[in-house]
Amino acid sequence: MWNEPLSGLAAAALAAGVVGLLTSFLVVRGQDLTRLMVTLGIGLMLFEVANKASSITGGVDGLSGVDMGKIFGVFSFGMDGRTAYVYCLVVLFIVFLFARTLVRSPFGLSLRGIREGERRMPAIGVSVPRKLIAIYTIDAAIAGIAGALLAQTTQFVGIDTLGFPRSAELMIMLVLGGTGYLYGSSGSGCS
């Protein structure tokens, strides 16, 4: 069985990014509230797909006993949780640095322009749908990393992560942390 943690993170990011890319065409069409509702609807549909594919996902019981290998062949996940904590912290820091670099790049500035005035951006040559599809795909990949961290550190994968309560928790984090800020709205699978 494949249990190497770092390649698992990469695989989760890739799989979630592909799903994000495929579903982005549905999400990007709408505006604020419509985007939110379509995203929640996609999450609920994925929940039901995972529930029906119980031979793969374990259904409502989930997959327990996920055995994780050692990180770099040295650091094993123990009962004390120290390795898991440091692992999550390092991955969170790397993802945060990536997000911070992305926000400060010309791509990030164009996203800020879209947030401030979506209708004005085509006048300066920015393809708004393409930028939104790209950032939605990147966000999905980051969410995949968070999900992989949760699965790797708890050694359990439940379909409840696709359910509405998890989406509501993330929305509360976003509201409390503030939209548009990396420091406040950062949430990860390491809770």
Foldseek 3Di string as FASTA:
>chain_A
DDAEQPVQLVVLLVVLLVVLLVCLVVLLPDDDVSNVVSVLVVLVVVLVVLQVVCVPQVHQVGDADQAHAAHVNPHHQDPVLPVLVVVVVVVLVVVLVVVVVCCPDPLVVLVVVCVVPVVCSVVVPDDVSVSSSVVSSNVSSQQSSLQSSLCSSRVTGGSCCSHDVVVVVLVVQCVQQDPPDSVRSDDGNPD
